[in-house]
Structure formats: C-alpha cells, structure tokens
Amino acid sequence: MSTPKSIKITERKSQRPPTTVNPAAEAKYQADRRSALKERLAGGEEVAVEPLRSSQGSLHFEVTRRPE
C-alpha cells in the first residue's frame, strides 16, 4: 500500500485564534502554522508545506513529500 505524496489540510476558522486585518500579522500567523505543521507531519521525512489559500478565515495547506 502506497502513501499519497501530497495531502491537503484545512484549518477552520473556529480552530483559529482571532487575527487582526493586519497583513503582516496574518502572514506571520500563516508562517508559524506552516512551521508547526511541518514539524508535526515530518516524522523524520523531508516535507514541504505550502499555503494554498486563505478563505473566510480558514487556512488551506498542501503537504508534499520531498523526493528521496
């Protein structure tokens, strides 16, 4: 059984702390979430975590394994 190379993760608005409309604060929040996801999902593997989009307060990420 093979593991998918890419998965998508959504963080719903209800899971997020309230953020301001400050774009710099939002960018930092997204970068922090990306780092946390990367650490949690890596499990010793190299993974790339990229934000897909932010819509109505939800963050959407794509996690991809790096080729070995």
Protein backbone atom coordinates (compact mmCIF):
# COMPACT_ATOMS: atom_id res chain seq x y z
CA MET A 1 0.00 0.00 0.00
CA SER A 2 1.49 3.31 -1.02
CA THR A 3 1.17 6.57 0.89
CA PRO A 4 -0.02 9.62 -1.04
CA LYS A 5 2.72 12.07 -1.98
CA SER A 6 0.53 15.07 -1.24
CA ILE A 7 -2.25 15.77 1.26
CA LYS A 8 -4.37 18.85 1.82
CA ILE A 9 -5.09 20.21 5.29
CA THR A 10 -7.69 22.80 6.22
CA GLU A 11 -7.65 24.73 9.47
CA ARG A 12 -11.16 26.00 10.05
CA LYS A 13 -11.96 29.47 11.28
CA SER A 14 -13.30 28.05 14.57
CA GLN A 15 -9.87 26.48 15.23
CA ARG A 16 -8.01 29.74 14.71
CA PRO A 17 -7.43 32.49 17.23
CA PRO A 18 -8.89 35.85 16.23
CA THR A 19 -6.46 37.75 13.99
CA THR A 20 -6.42 41.36 13.03
CA VAL A 21 -6.72 42.60 9.46
CA ASN A 22 -3.04 43.47 9.61
CA PRO A 23 -1.50 41.66 6.60
CA ALA A 24 1.90 41.37 8.31
CA ALA A 25 0.33 39.70 11.38
CA GLU A 26 -1.65 37.34 9.15
CA ALA A 27 1.47 36.44 7.13
CA LYS A 28 3.37 35.70 10.36
CA TYR A 29 0.48 33.59 11.66
CA GLN A 30 0.42 31.57 8.43
CA ALA A 31 4.21 31.09 8.53
CA ASP A 32 4.01 29.92 12.16
CA ARG A 33 1.22 27.45 11.31
CA ARG A 34 3.22 26.18 8.34
CA SER A 35 6.25 25.56 10.58
CA ALA A 36 4.13 23.78 13.19
CA LEU A 37 2.50 21.55 10.56
CA LYS A 38 5.86 20.76 9.02
CA GLU A 39 7.28 19.66 12.38
CA ARG A 40 4.19 17.63 13.28
CA LEU A 41 3.94 15.84 9.93
CA ALA A 42 7.59 15.32 9.06
CA GLY A 43 8.26 12.28 11.24
CA GLY A 44 11.88 12.31 10.13
CA GLU A 45 10.98 12.90 6.47
CA GLU A 46 11.56 15.99 4.38
CA VAL A 47 8.19 17.58 3.67
CA ALA A 48 7.15 20.83 2.02
CA VAL A 49 4.15 22.68 3.47
CA GLU A 50 2.70 25.36 1.23
CA PRO A 51 -0.32 27.55 1.86
CA LEU A 52 -2.91 27.10 -0.89
CA ARG A 53 -5.22 29.92 0.08
CA SER A 54 -6.96 31.64 2.95
CA SER A 55 -10.72 31.90 2.64
CA GLN A 56 -13.23 33.24 5.12
CA GLY A 57 -10.79 32.73 7.97
CA SER A 58 -9.86 29.15 7.04
CA LEU A 59 -6.32 28.26 6.02
CA HIS A 60 -5.70 25.61 3.39
CA PHE A 61 -2.30 23.91 3.17
CA GLU A 62 -0.80 21.33 0.86
CA VAL A 63 1.82 18.98 2.30
CA THR A 64 4.13 17.23 -0.14
CA ARG A 65 6.89 14.71 0.50
CA ARG A 66 10.21 15.65 -0.99
CA PRO A 67 11.67 13.03 -3.33
CA GLU A 68 14.35 10.91 -1.69
